[in-house]
Amino acid sequence: QWRVFEMAEPRLETAAGTLGTRLVLAGGFSASMFEGLPITT
């Protein structure tokens, strides 16, 4: 069954890849449009 793991911060339009057994999420918006759509590094 699917399990839910909370992210440290939300992401939108992020980049995703794999590194061994790890998923990698790079950049993207870290908050919603109502919060100004900040872009994270």
PDB file of all heavy atoms in Angstrom:
ATOM      1  N   GLN A   1       0.840  -1.188   0.000  1.00  0.00           N
ATOM      2  CA  GLN A   1       0.000   0.000   0.000  1.00  0.00           C
ATOM      3  C   GLN A   1       0.877   1.240   0.000  1.00  0.00           C
ATOM      4  O   GLN A   1       2.038   1.212   0.406  1.00  0.00           O
ATOM      5  CB  GLN A   1      -0.909   0.007   1.238  1.00  0.00           C
ATOM      6  CG  GLN A   1      -1.875  -1.173   1.293  1.00  0.00           C
ATOM      7  CD  GLN A   1      -2.704  -1.154   2.558  1.00  0.00           C
ATOM      8  OE1 GLN A   1      -2.371  -0.498   3.538  1.00  0.00           O
ATOM      9  NE2 GLN A   1      -3.819  -1.876   2.535  1.00  0.00           N
ATOM     10  N   TRP A   2       0.299   2.327  -0.494  1.00  0.00           N
ATOM     11  CA  TRP A   2       1.014   3.600  -0.478  1.00  0.00           C
ATOM     12  C   TRP A   2       1.204   4.069   0.957  1.00  0.00           C
ATOM     13  O   TRP A   2       0.306   3.930   1.790  1.00  0.00           O
ATOM     14  CB  TRP A   2       0.224   4.662  -1.246  1.00  0.00           C
ATOM     15  CG  TRP A   2       0.244   4.477  -2.727  1.00  0.00           C
ATOM     16  CD1 TRP A   2      -0.670   3.821  -3.482  1.00  0.00           C
ATOM     17  CD2 TRP A   2       1.236   4.950  -3.629  1.00  0.00           C
ATOM     18  NE1 TRP A   2      -0.320   3.853  -4.799  1.00  0.00           N
ATOM     19  CE2 TRP A   2       0.841   4.539  -4.928  1.00  0.00           C
ATOM     20  CE3 TRP A   2       2.412   5.683  -3.484  1.00  0.00           C
ATOM     21  CZ2 TRP A   2       1.590   4.833  -6.067  1.00  0.00           C
ATOM     22  CZ3 TRP A   2       3.158   5.981  -4.617  1.00  0.00           C
ATOM     23  CH2 TRP A   2       2.748   5.557  -5.880  1.00  0.00           C
ATOM     24  N   ARG A   3       2.375   4.609   1.232  1.00  0.00           N
ATOM     25  CA  ARG A   3       2.647   5.224   2.521  1.00  0.00           C
ATOM     26  C   ARG A   3       2.949   6.704   2.319  1.00  0.00           C
ATOM     27  O   ARG A   3       3.451   7.105   1.276  1.00  0.00           O
ATOM     28  CB  ARG A   3       3.835   4.542   3.208  1.00  0.00           C
ATOM     29  CG  ARG A   3       3.540   3.108   3.638  1.00  0.00           C
ATOM     30  CD  ARG A   3       4.755   2.497   4.331  1.00  0.00           C
ATOM     31  NE  ARG A   3       5.858   2.300   3.395  1.00  0.00           N
ATOM     32  CZ  ARG A   3       7.109   2.015   3.761  1.00  0.00           C
ATOM     33  NH1 ARG A   3       7.411   1.920   5.039  1.00  0.00           N
ATOM     34  NH2 ARG A   3       8.040   1.823   2.856  1.00  0.00           N
ATOM     35  N   VAL A   4       2.637   7.505   3.290  1.00  0.00           N
ATOM     36  CA  VAL A   4       2.808   8.955   3.194  1.00  0.00           C
ATOM     37  C   VAL A   4       4.016   9.382   4.017  1.00  0.00           C
ATOM     38  O   VAL A   4       4.136   9.036   5.195  1.00  0.00           O
ATOM     39  CB  VAL A   4       1.547   9.697   3.694  1.00  0.00           C
ATOM     40  CG1 VAL A   4       1.776  11.205   3.659  1.00  0.00           C
ATOM     41  CG2 VAL A   4       0.342   9.311   2.848  1.00  0.00           C
ATOM     42  N   PHE A   5       4.923  10.124   3.375  1.00  0.00           N
ATOM     43  CA  PHE A   5       6.088  10.682   4.060  1.00  0.00           C
ATOM     44  C   PHE A   5       6.060  12.193   3.845  1.00  0.00           C
ATOM     45  O   PHE A   5       6.095  12.666   2.711  1.00  0.00           O
ATOM     46  CB  PHE A   5       7.393  10.103   3.490  1.00  0.00           C
ATOM     47  CG  PHE A   5       7.544   8.621   3.684  1.00  0.00           C
ATOM     48  CD1 PHE A   5       7.083   7.731   2.721  1.00  0.00           C
ATOM     49  CD2 PHE A   5       8.152   8.119   4.817  1.00  0.00           C
ATOM     50  CE1 PHE A   5       7.230   6.362   2.894  1.00  0.00           C
ATOM     51  CE2 PHE A   5       8.296   6.754   4.999  1.00  0.00           C
ATOM     52  CZ  PHE A   5       7.839   5.873   4.044  1.00  0.00           C
ATOM     53  N   GLU A   6       5.985  12.942   4.919  1.00  0.00           N
ATOM     54  CA  GLU A   6       5.906  14.398   4.815  1.00  0.00           C
ATOM     55  C   GLU A   6       7.240  14.979   4.351  1.00  0.00           C
ATOM     56  O   GLU A   6       8.303  14.628   4.859  1.00  0.00           O
ATOM     57  CB  GLU A   6       5.534  15.005   6.175  1.00  0.00           C
ATOM     58  CG  GLU A   6       4.132  14.667   6.639  1.00  0.00           C
ATOM     59  CD  GLU A   6       3.066  15.309   5.757  1.00  0.00           C
ATOM     60  OE1 GLU A   6       3.352  16.362   5.157  1.00  0.00           O
ATOM     61  OE2 GLU A   6       1.962  14.755   5.682  1.00  0.00           O
ATOM     62  N   MET A   7       7.178  15.877   3.362  1.00  0.00           N
ATOM     63  CA  MET A   7       8.377  16.557   2.875  1.00  0.00           C
ATOM     64  C   MET A   7       8.793  17.641   3.856  1.00  0.00           C
ATOM     65  O   MET A   7       7.976  18.184   4.602  1.00  0.00           O
ATOM     66  CB  MET A   7       8.119  17.184   1.508  1.00  0.00           C
ATOM     67  CG  MET A   7       7.828  16.199   0.408  1.00  0.00           C
ATOM     68  SD  MET A   7       7.503  17.029  -1.167  1.00  0.00           S
ATOM     69  CE  MET A   7       9.115  17.773  -1.499  1.00  0.00           C
ATOM     70  N   ALA A   8      10.082  17.964   3.812  1.00  0.00           N
ATOM     71  CA  ALA A   8      10.583  19.050   4.651  1.00  0.00           C
ATOM     72  C   ALA A   8       9.972  20.381   4.226  1.00  0.00           C
ATOM     73  O   ALA A   8       9.752  21.275   5.044  1.00  0.00           O
ATOM     74  CB  ALA A   8      12.106  19.115   4.559  1.00  0.00           C
ATOM     75  N   GLU A   9       9.714  20.535   2.929  1.00  0.00           N
ATOM     76  CA  GLU A   9       9.039  21.719   2.408  1.00  0.00           C
ATOM     77  C   GLU A   9       8.330  21.321   1.111  1.00  0.00           C
ATOM     78  O   GLU A   9       8.760  20.401   0.418  1.00  0.00           O
ATOM     79  CB  GLU A   9      10.017  22.862   2.137  1.00  0.00           C
ATOM     80  CG  GLU A   9      11.098  22.528   1.136  1.00  0.00           C
ATOM     81  CD  GLU A   9      12.071  23.676   0.904  1.00  0.00           C
ATOM     82  OE1 GLU A   9      12.301  24.458   1.842  1.00  0.00           O
ATOM     83  OE2 GLU A   9      12.596  23.770  -0.212  1.00  0.00           O
ATOM     84  N   PRO A  10       7.232  21.983   0.771  1.00  0.00           N
ATOM     85  CA  PRO A  10       6.504  21.607  -0.450  1.00  0.00           C
ATOM     86  C   PRO A  10       7.300  21.982  -1.696  1.00  0.00           C
ATOM     87  O   PRO A  10       8.170  22.857  -1.662  1.00  0.00           O
ATOM     88  CB  PRO A  10       5.216  22.417  -0.349  1.00  0.00           C
ATOM     89  CG  PRO A  10       5.580  23.593   0.508  1.00  0.00           C
ATOM     90  CD  PRO A  10       6.595  23.086   1.488  1.00  0.00           C
ATOM     91  N   ARG A  11       6.995  21.314  -2.790  1.00  0.00           N
ATOM     92  CA  ARG A  11       7.651  21.596  -4.069  1.00  0.00           C
ATOM     93  C   ARG A  11       6.645  21.561  -5.206  1.00  0.00           C
ATOM     94  O   ARG A  11       5.739  20.733  -5.217  1.00  0.00           O
ATOM     95  CB  ARG A  11       8.753  20.569  -4.355  1.00  0.00           C
ATOM     96  CG  ARG A  11       9.975  20.671  -3.459  1.00  0.00           C
ATOM     97  CD  ARG A  11      10.685  22.007  -3.606  1.00  0.00           C
ATOM     98  NE  ARG A  11      11.786  22.111  -2.683  1.00  0.00           N
ATOM     99  CZ  ARG A  11      13.035  21.721  -2.970  1.00  0.00           C
ATOM    100  NH1 ARG A  11      13.311  21.185  -4.133  1.00  0.00           N
ATOM    101  NH2 ARG A  11      13.985  21.866  -2.084  1.00  0.00           N
ATOM    102  N   LEU A  12       6.845  22.469  -6.161  1.00  0.00           N
ATOM    103  CA  LEU A  12       6.049  22.523  -7.380  1.00  0.00           C
ATOM    104  C   LEU A  12       7.007  22.796  -8.529  1.00  0.00           C
ATOM    105  O   LEU A  12       7.916  23.636  -8.400  1.00  0.00           O
ATOM    106  CB  LEU A  12       4.998  23.630  -7.277  1.00  0.00           C
ATOM    107  CG  LEU A  12       4.131  23.906  -8.517  1.00  0.00           C
ATOM    108  CD1 LEU A  12       3.216  22.721  -8.798  1.00  0.00           C
ATOM    109  CD2 LEU A  12       3.314  25.180  -8.320  1.00  0.00           C
ATOM    110  N   GLU A  13       6.804  22.109  -9.654  1.00  0.00           N
ATOM    111  CA  GLU A  13       7.673  22.254 -10.822  1.00  0.00           C
ATOM    112  C   GLU A  13       9.144  22.041 -10.447  1.00  0.00           C
ATOM    113  O   GLU A  13      10.034  22.748 -10.911  1.00  0.00           O
ATOM    114  CB  GLU A  13       7.487  23.632 -11.480  1.00  0.00           C
ATOM    115  CG  GLU A  13       6.050  23.963 -11.848  1.00  0.00           C
ATOM    116  CD  GLU A  13       5.483  23.096 -12.977  1.00  0.00           C
ATOM    117  OE1 GLU A  13       6.109  22.097 -13.339  1.00  0.00           O
ATOM    118  OE2 GLU A  13       4.398  23.435 -13.471  1.00  0.00           O
ATOM    119  N   THR A  14       9.375  21.047  -9.602  1.00  0.00           N
ATOM    120  CA  THR A  14      10.729  20.696  -9.208  1.00  0.00           C
ATOM    121  C   THR A  14      11.325  19.719 -10.210  1.00  0.00           C
ATOM    122  O   THR A  14      10.612  19.154 -11.048  1.00  0.00           O
ATOM    123  CB  THR A  14      10.729  20.080  -7.796  1.00  0.00           C
ATOM    124  OG1 THR A  14      12.053  19.925  -7.334  1.00  0.00           O
ATOM    125  CG2 THR A  14      10.036  18.716  -7.788  1.00  0.00           C
ATOM    126  N   ALA A  15      12.637  19.523 -10.148  1.00  0.00           N
ATOM    127  CA  ALA A  15      13.296  18.499 -10.961  1.00  0.00           C
ATOM    128  C   ALA A  15      13.473  17.255 -10.106  1.00  0.00           C
ATOM    129  O   ALA A  15      13.738  17.341  -8.910  1.00  0.00           O
ATOM    130  CB  ALA A  15      14.653  18.999 -11.434  1.00  0.00           C
ATOM    131  N   ALA A  16      13.322  16.088 -10.716  1.00  0.00           N
ATOM    132  CA  ALA A  16      13.445  14.840  -9.977  1.00  0.00           C
ATOM    133  C   ALA A  16      14.381  13.888 -10.696  1.00  0.00           C
ATOM    134  O   ALA A  16      14.373  13.793 -11.924  1.00  0.00           O
ATOM    135  CB  ALA A  16      12.076  14.188  -9.803  1.00  0.00           C
ATOM    136  N   GLY A  17      15.204  13.196  -9.918  1.00  0.00           N
ATOM    137  CA  GLY A  17      16.098  12.176 -10.452  1.00  0.00           C
ATOM    138  C   GLY A  17      16.343  11.130  -9.393  1.00  0.00           C
ATOM    139  O   GLY A  17      15.788  11.193  -8.286  1.00  0.00           O
ATOM    140  N   THR A  18      17.140  10.141  -9.717  1.00  0.00           N
ATOM    141  CA  THR A  18      17.470   9.093  -8.754  1.00  0.00           C
ATOM    142  C   THR A  18      18.977   9.023  -8.580  1.00  0.00           C
ATOM    143  O   THR A  18      19.740   9.180  -9.532  1.00  0.00           O
ATOM    144  CB  THR A  18      16.951   7.714  -9.215  1.00  0.00           C
ATOM    145  OG1 THR A  18      17.527   7.375 -10.485  1.00  0.00           O
ATOM    146  CG2 THR A  18      15.441   7.724  -9.328  1.00  0.00           C
ATOM    147  N   LEU A  19      19.394   8.776  -7.349  1.00  0.00           N
ATOM    148  CA  LEU A  19      20.806   8.631  -7.004  1.00  0.00           C
ATOM    149  C   LEU A  19      20.918   7.408  -6.105  1.00  0.00           C
ATOM    150  O   LEU A  19      20.701   7.493  -4.899  1.00  0.00           O
ATOM    151  CB  LEU A  19      21.311   9.895  -6.290  1.00  0.00           C
ATOM    152  CG  LEU A  19      22.790   9.946  -5.906  1.00  0.00           C
ATOM    153  CD1 LEU A  19      23.669   9.872  -7.147  1.00  0.00           C
ATOM    154  CD2 LEU A  19      23.090  11.215  -5.114  1.00  0.00           C
ATOM    155  N   GLY A  20      21.209   6.257  -6.715  1.00  0.00           N
ATOM    156  CA  GLY A  20      21.199   5.017  -5.950  1.00  0.00           C
ATOM    157  C   GLY A  20      19.790   4.723  -5.467  1.00  0.00           C
ATOM    158  O   GLY A  20      18.851   4.666  -6.262  1.00  0.00           O
ATOM    159  N   THR A  21      19.629   4.561  -4.169  1.00  0.00           N
ATOM    160  CA  THR A  21      18.300   4.297  -3.601  1.00  0.00           C
ATOM    161  C   THR A  21      17.589   5.582  -3.189  1.00  0.00           C
ATOM    162  O   THR A  21      16.525   5.534  -2.580  1.00  0.00           O
ATOM    163  CB  THR A  21      18.417   3.385  -2.369  1.00  0.00           C
ATOM    164  OG1 THR A  21      19.219   4.033  -1.366  1.00  0.00           O
ATOM    165  CG2 THR A  21      19.054   2.051  -2.743  1.00  0.00           C
ATOM    166  N   ARG A  22      18.165   6.731  -3.532  1.00  0.00           N
ATOM    167  CA  ARG A  22      17.573   8.005  -3.135  1.00  0.00           C
ATOM    168  C   ARG A  22      16.933   8.720  -4.320  1.00  0.00           C
ATOM    169  O   ARG A  22      17.443   8.685  -5.436  1.00  0.00           O
ATOM    170  CB  ARG A  22      18.634   8.926  -2.517  1.00  0.00           C
ATOM    171  CG  ARG A  22      19.162   8.447  -1.171  1.00  0.00           C
ATOM    172  CD  ARG A  22      20.187   9.421  -0.618  1.00  0.00           C
ATOM    173  NE  ARG A  22      21.404   9.439  -1.421  1.00  0.00           N
ATOM    174  CZ  ARG A  22      22.400  10.313  -1.233  1.00  0.00           C
ATOM    175  NH1 ARG A  22      22.302  11.245  -0.285  1.00  0.00           N
ATOM    176  NH2 ARG A  22      23.485  10.247  -1.993  1.00  0.00           N
ATOM    177  N   LEU A  23      15.804   9.365  -4.060  1.00  0.00           N
ATOM    178  CA  LEU A  23      15.225  10.307  -5.003  1.00  0.00           C
ATOM    179  C   LEU A  23      15.843  11.666  -4.749  1.00  0.00           C
ATOM    180  O   LEU A  23      16.110  12.040  -3.602  1.00  0.00           O
ATOM    181  CB  LEU A  23      13.709  10.388  -4.824  1.00  0.00           C
ATOM    182  CG  LEU A  23      12.913   9.094  -4.996  1.00  0.00           C
ATOM    183  CD1 LEU A  23      11.434   9.366  -4.725  1.00  0.00           C
ATOM    184  CD2 LEU A  23      13.103   8.510  -6.374  1.00  0.00           C
ATOM    185  N   VAL A  24      16.063  12.411  -5.807  1.00  0.00           N
ATOM    186  CA  VAL A  24      16.640  13.753  -5.710  1.00  0.00           C
ATOM    187  C   VAL A  24      15.630  14.752  -6.253  1.00  0.00           C
ATOM    188  O   VAL A  24      15.128  14.595  -7.378  1.00  0.00           O
ATOM    189  CB  VAL A  24      17.959  13.862  -6.499  1.00  0.00           C
ATOM    190  CG1 VAL A  24      18.507  15.288  -6.431  1.00  0.00           C
ATOM    191  CG2 VAL A  24      18.989  12.872  -5.963  1.00  0.00           C
ATOM    192  N   LEU A  25      15.303  15.772  -5.462  1.00  0.00           N
ATOM    193  CA  LEU A  25      14.399  16.842  -5.869  1.00  0.00           C
ATOM    194  C   LEU A  25      15.170  18.144  -5.834  1.00  0.00           C
ATOM    195  O   LEU A  25      15.648  18.558  -4.770  1.00  0.00           O
ATOM    196  CB  LEU A  25      13.182  16.927  -4.946  1.00  0.00           C
ATOM    197  CG  LEU A  25      12.342  15.656  -4.804  1.00  0.00           C
ATOM    198  CD1 LEU A  25      11.206  15.897  -3.817  1.00  0.00           C
ATOM    199  CD2 LEU A  25      11.807  15.207  -6.140  1.00  0.00           C
ATOM    200  N   ALA A  26      15.295  18.802  -6.995  1.00  0.00           N
ATOM    201  CA  ALA A  26      16.155  19.984  -7.093  1.00  0.00           C
ATOM    202  C   ALA A  26      15.361  21.194  -7.560  1.00  0.00           C
ATOM    203  O   ALA A  26      14.679  21.150  -8.588  1.00  0.00           O
ATOM    204  CB  ALA A  26      17.303  19.709  -8.066  1.00  0.00           C
ATOM    205  N   GLY A  27      15.481  22.288  -6.805  1.00  0.00           N
ATOM    206  CA  GLY A  27      14.860  23.538  -7.193  1.00  0.00           C
ATOM    207  C   GLY A  27      13.352  23.463  -7.206  1.00  0.00           C
ATOM    208  O   GLY A  27      12.728  22.621  -6.571  1.00  0.00           O
ATOM    209  N   GLY A  28      12.744  24.385  -7.955  1.00  0.00           N
ATOM    210  CA  GLY A  28      11.289  24.450  -8.054  1.00  0.00           C
ATOM    211  C   GLY A  28      10.702  25.499  -7.120  1.00  0.00           C
ATOM    212  O   GLY A  28      11.405  26.139  -6.334  1.00  0.00           O
ATOM    213  N   PHE A  29       9.401  25.688  -7.216  1.00  0.00           N
ATOM    214  CA  PHE A  29       8.697  26.592  -6.308  1.00  0.00           C
ATOM    215  C   PHE A  29       8.538  25.899  -4.959  1.00  0.00           C
ATOM    216  O   PHE A  29       8.198  24.723  -4.889  1.00  0.00           O
ATOM    217  CB  PHE A  29       7.316  26.943  -6.869  1.00  0.00           C
ATOM    218  CG  PHE A  29       7.344  27.684  -8.179  1.00  0.00           C
ATOM    219  CD1 PHE A  29       6.867  27.082  -9.337  1.00  0.00           C
ATOM    220  CD2 PHE A  29       7.839  28.972  -8.248  1.00  0.00           C
ATOM    221  CE1 PHE A  29       6.873  27.759 -10.544  1.00  0.00           C
ATOM    222  CE2 PHE A  29       7.858  29.663  -9.463  1.00  0.00           C
ATOM    223  CZ  PHE A  29       7.372  29.046 -10.612  1.00  0.00           C
ATOM    224  N   SER A  30       8.759  26.660  -3.892  1.00  0.00           N
ATOM    225  CA  SER A  30       8.672  26.083  -2.550  1.00  0.00           C
ATOM    226  C   SER A  30       7.421  26.528  -1.796  1.00  0.00           C
ATOM    227  O   SER A  30       7.254  26.204  -0.618  1.00  0.00           O
ATOM    228  CB  SER A  30       9.913  26.441  -1.736  1.00  0.00           C
ATOM    229  OG  SER A  30      10.051  27.853  -1.636  1.00  0.00           O
ATOM    230  N   ALA A  31       6.555  27.273  -2.450  1.00  0.00           N
ATOM    231  CA  ALA A  31       5.290  27.680  -1.837  1.00  0.00           C
ATOM    232  C   ALA A  31       4.307  28.015  -2.952  1.00  0.00           C
ATOM    233  O   ALA A  31       4.682  28.104  -4.127  1.00  0.00           O
ATOM    234  CB  ALA A  31       5.480  28.869  -0.895  1.00  0.00           C
ATOM    235  N   SER A  32       3.071  28.239  -2.585  1.00  0.00           N
ATOM    236  CA  SER A  32       2.006  28.413  -3.565  1.00  0.00           C
ATOM    237  C   SER A  32       2.005  29.820  -4.163  1.00  0.00           C
ATOM    238  O   SER A  32       2.727  30.717  -3.718  1.00  0.00           O
ATOM    239  CB  SER A  32       0.659  28.153  -2.900  1.00  0.00           C
ATOM    240  OG  SER A  32       0.364  29.202  -1.985  1.00  0.00           O
ATOM    241  N   MET A  33       1.110  30.001  -5.150  1.00  0.00           N
ATOM    242  CA  MET A  33       0.952  31.307  -5.780  1.00  0.00           C
ATOM    243  C   MET A  33       0.501  32.349  -4.764  1.00  0.00           C
ATOM    244  O   MET A  33       0.899  33.516  -4.824  1.00  0.00           O
ATOM    245  CB  MET A  33      -0.069  31.199  -6.915  1.00  0.00           C
ATOM    246  CG  MET A  33      -0.295  32.485  -7.692  1.00  0.00           C
ATOM    247  SD  MET A  33      -1.553  32.275  -8.978  1.00  0.00           S
ATOM    248  CE  MET A  33      -0.772  31.025  -9.992  1.00  0.00           C
ATOM    249  N   PHE A  34      -0.316  31.927  -3.804  1.00  0.00           N
ATOM    250  CA  PHE A  34      -0.806  32.856  -2.788  1.00  0.00           C
ATOM    251  C   PHE A  34       0.302  33.303  -1.845  1.00  0.00           C
ATOM    252  O   PHE A  34       0.169  34.296  -1.148  1.00  0.00           O
ATOM    253  CB  PHE A  34      -1.940  32.203  -1.999  1.00  0.00           C
ATOM    254  CG  PHE A  34      -3.080  31.767  -2.866  1.00  0.00           C
ATOM    255  CD1 PHE A  34      -3.264  30.434  -3.177  1.00  0.00           C
ATOM    256  CD2 PHE A  34      -3.963  32.701  -3.397  1.00  0.00           C
ATOM    257  CE1 PHE A  34      -4.317  30.028  -3.983  1.00  0.00           C
ATOM    258  CE2 PHE A  34      -5.021  32.303  -4.210  1.00  0.00           C
ATOM    259  CZ  PHE A  34      -5.190  30.960  -4.507  1.00  0.00           C
ATOM    260  N   GLU A  35       1.410  32.548  -1.850  1.00  0.00           N
ATOM    261  CA  GLU A  35       2.565  32.900  -1.019  1.00  0.00           C
ATOM    262  C   GLU A  35       3.706  33.471  -1.843  1.00  0.00           C
ATOM    263  O   GLU A  35       4.834  33.548  -1.386  1.00  0.00           O
ATOM    264  CB  GLU A  35       3.025  31.667  -0.243  1.00  0.00           C
ATOM    265  CG  GLU A  35       1.970  31.110   0.696  1.00  0.00           C
ATOM    266  CD  GLU A  35       2.354  29.746   1.254  1.00  0.00           C
ATOM    267  OE1 GLU A  35       2.254  28.743   0.515  1.00  0.00           O
ATOM    268  OE2 GLU A  35       2.751  29.693   2.441  1.00  0.00           O
ATOM    269  N   GLY A  36       3.411  33.849  -3.098  1.00  0.00           N
ATOM    270  CA  GLY A  36       4.389  34.541  -3.917  1.00  0.00           C
ATOM    271  C   GLY A  36       5.234  33.665  -4.821  1.00  0.00           C
ATOM    272  O   GLY A  36       6.126  34.165  -5.494  1.00  0.00           O
ATOM    273  N   LEU A  37       5.008  32.364  -4.858  1.00  0.00           N
ATOM    274  CA  LEU A  37       5.774  31.435  -5.686  1.00  0.00           C
ATOM    275  C   LEU A  37       7.295  31.619  -5.541  1.00  0.00           C
ATOM    276  O   LEU A  37       8.003  31.831  -6.526  1.00  0.00           O
ATOM    277  CB  LEU A  37       5.382  31.579  -7.159  1.00  0.00           C
ATOM    278  CG  LEU A  37       4.037  30.992  -7.587  1.00  0.00           C
ATOM    279  CD1 LEU A  37       3.783  31.295  -9.057  1.00  0.00           C
ATOM    280  CD2 LEU A  37       4.002  29.491  -7.355  1.00  0.00           C
ATOM    281  N   PRO A  38       7.817  31.541  -4.327  1.00  0.00           N
ATOM    282  CA  PRO A  38       9.279  31.632  -4.184  1.00  0.00           C
ATOM    283  C   PRO A  38       9.959  30.430  -4.828  1.00  0.00           C
ATOM    284  O   PRO A  38       9.439  29.311  -4.796  1.00  0.00           O
ATOM    285  CB  PRO A  38       9.480  31.635  -2.665  1.00  0.00           C
ATOM    286  CG  PRO A  38       8.291  30.922  -2.123  1.00  0.00           C
ATOM    287  CD  PRO A  38       7.153  31.286  -3.037  1.00  0.00           C
ATOM    288  N   ILE A  39      11.118  30.651  -5.420  1.00  0.00           N
ATOM    289  CA  ILE A  39      11.886  29.587  -6.058  1.00  0.00           C
ATOM    290  C   ILE A  39      13.060  29.234  -5.152  1.00  0.00           C
ATOM    291  O   ILE A  39      13.814  30.101  -4.708  1.00  0.00           O
ATOM    292  CB  ILE A  39      12.395  30.015  -7.446  1.00  0.00           C
ATOM    293  CG1 ILE A  39      11.211  30.365  -8.347  1.00  0.00           C
ATOM    294  CG2 ILE A  39      13.235  28.904  -8.084  1.00  0.00           C
ATOM    295  CD1 ILE A  39      11.610  30.957  -9.680  1.00  0.00           C
ATOM    296  N   THR A  40      13.205  27.959  -4.870  1.00  0.00           N
ATOM    297  CA  THR A  40      14.246  27.504  -3.958  1.00  0.00           C
ATOM    298  C   THR A  40      15.448  26.959  -4.722  1.00  0.00           C
ATOM    299  O   THR A  40      15.311  26.473  -5.852  1.00  0.00           O
ATOM    300  CB  THR A  40      13.707  26.418  -3.015  1.00  0.00           C
ATOM    301  OG1 THR A  40      14.727  26.030  -2.096  1.00  0.00           O
ATOM    302  CG2 THR A  40      13.250  25.180  -3.780  1.00  0.00           C
ATOM    303  N   THR A  41      16.597  27.046  -4.098  1.00  0.00           N
ATOM    304  CA  THR A  41      17.808  26.416  -4.642  1.00  0.00           C
ATOM    305  C   THR A  41      18.128  25.116  -3.910  1.00  0.00           C
ATOM    306  O   THR A  41      19.101  24.441  -4.251  1.00  0.00           O
ATOM    307  CB  THR A  41      19.025  27.355  -4.516  1.00  0.00           C
ATOM    308  OG1 THR A  41      19.222  27.679  -3.132  1.00  0.00           O
ATOM    309  CG2 THR A  41      18.811  28.632  -5.313  1.00  0.00           C
TER     310      THR A  41
END
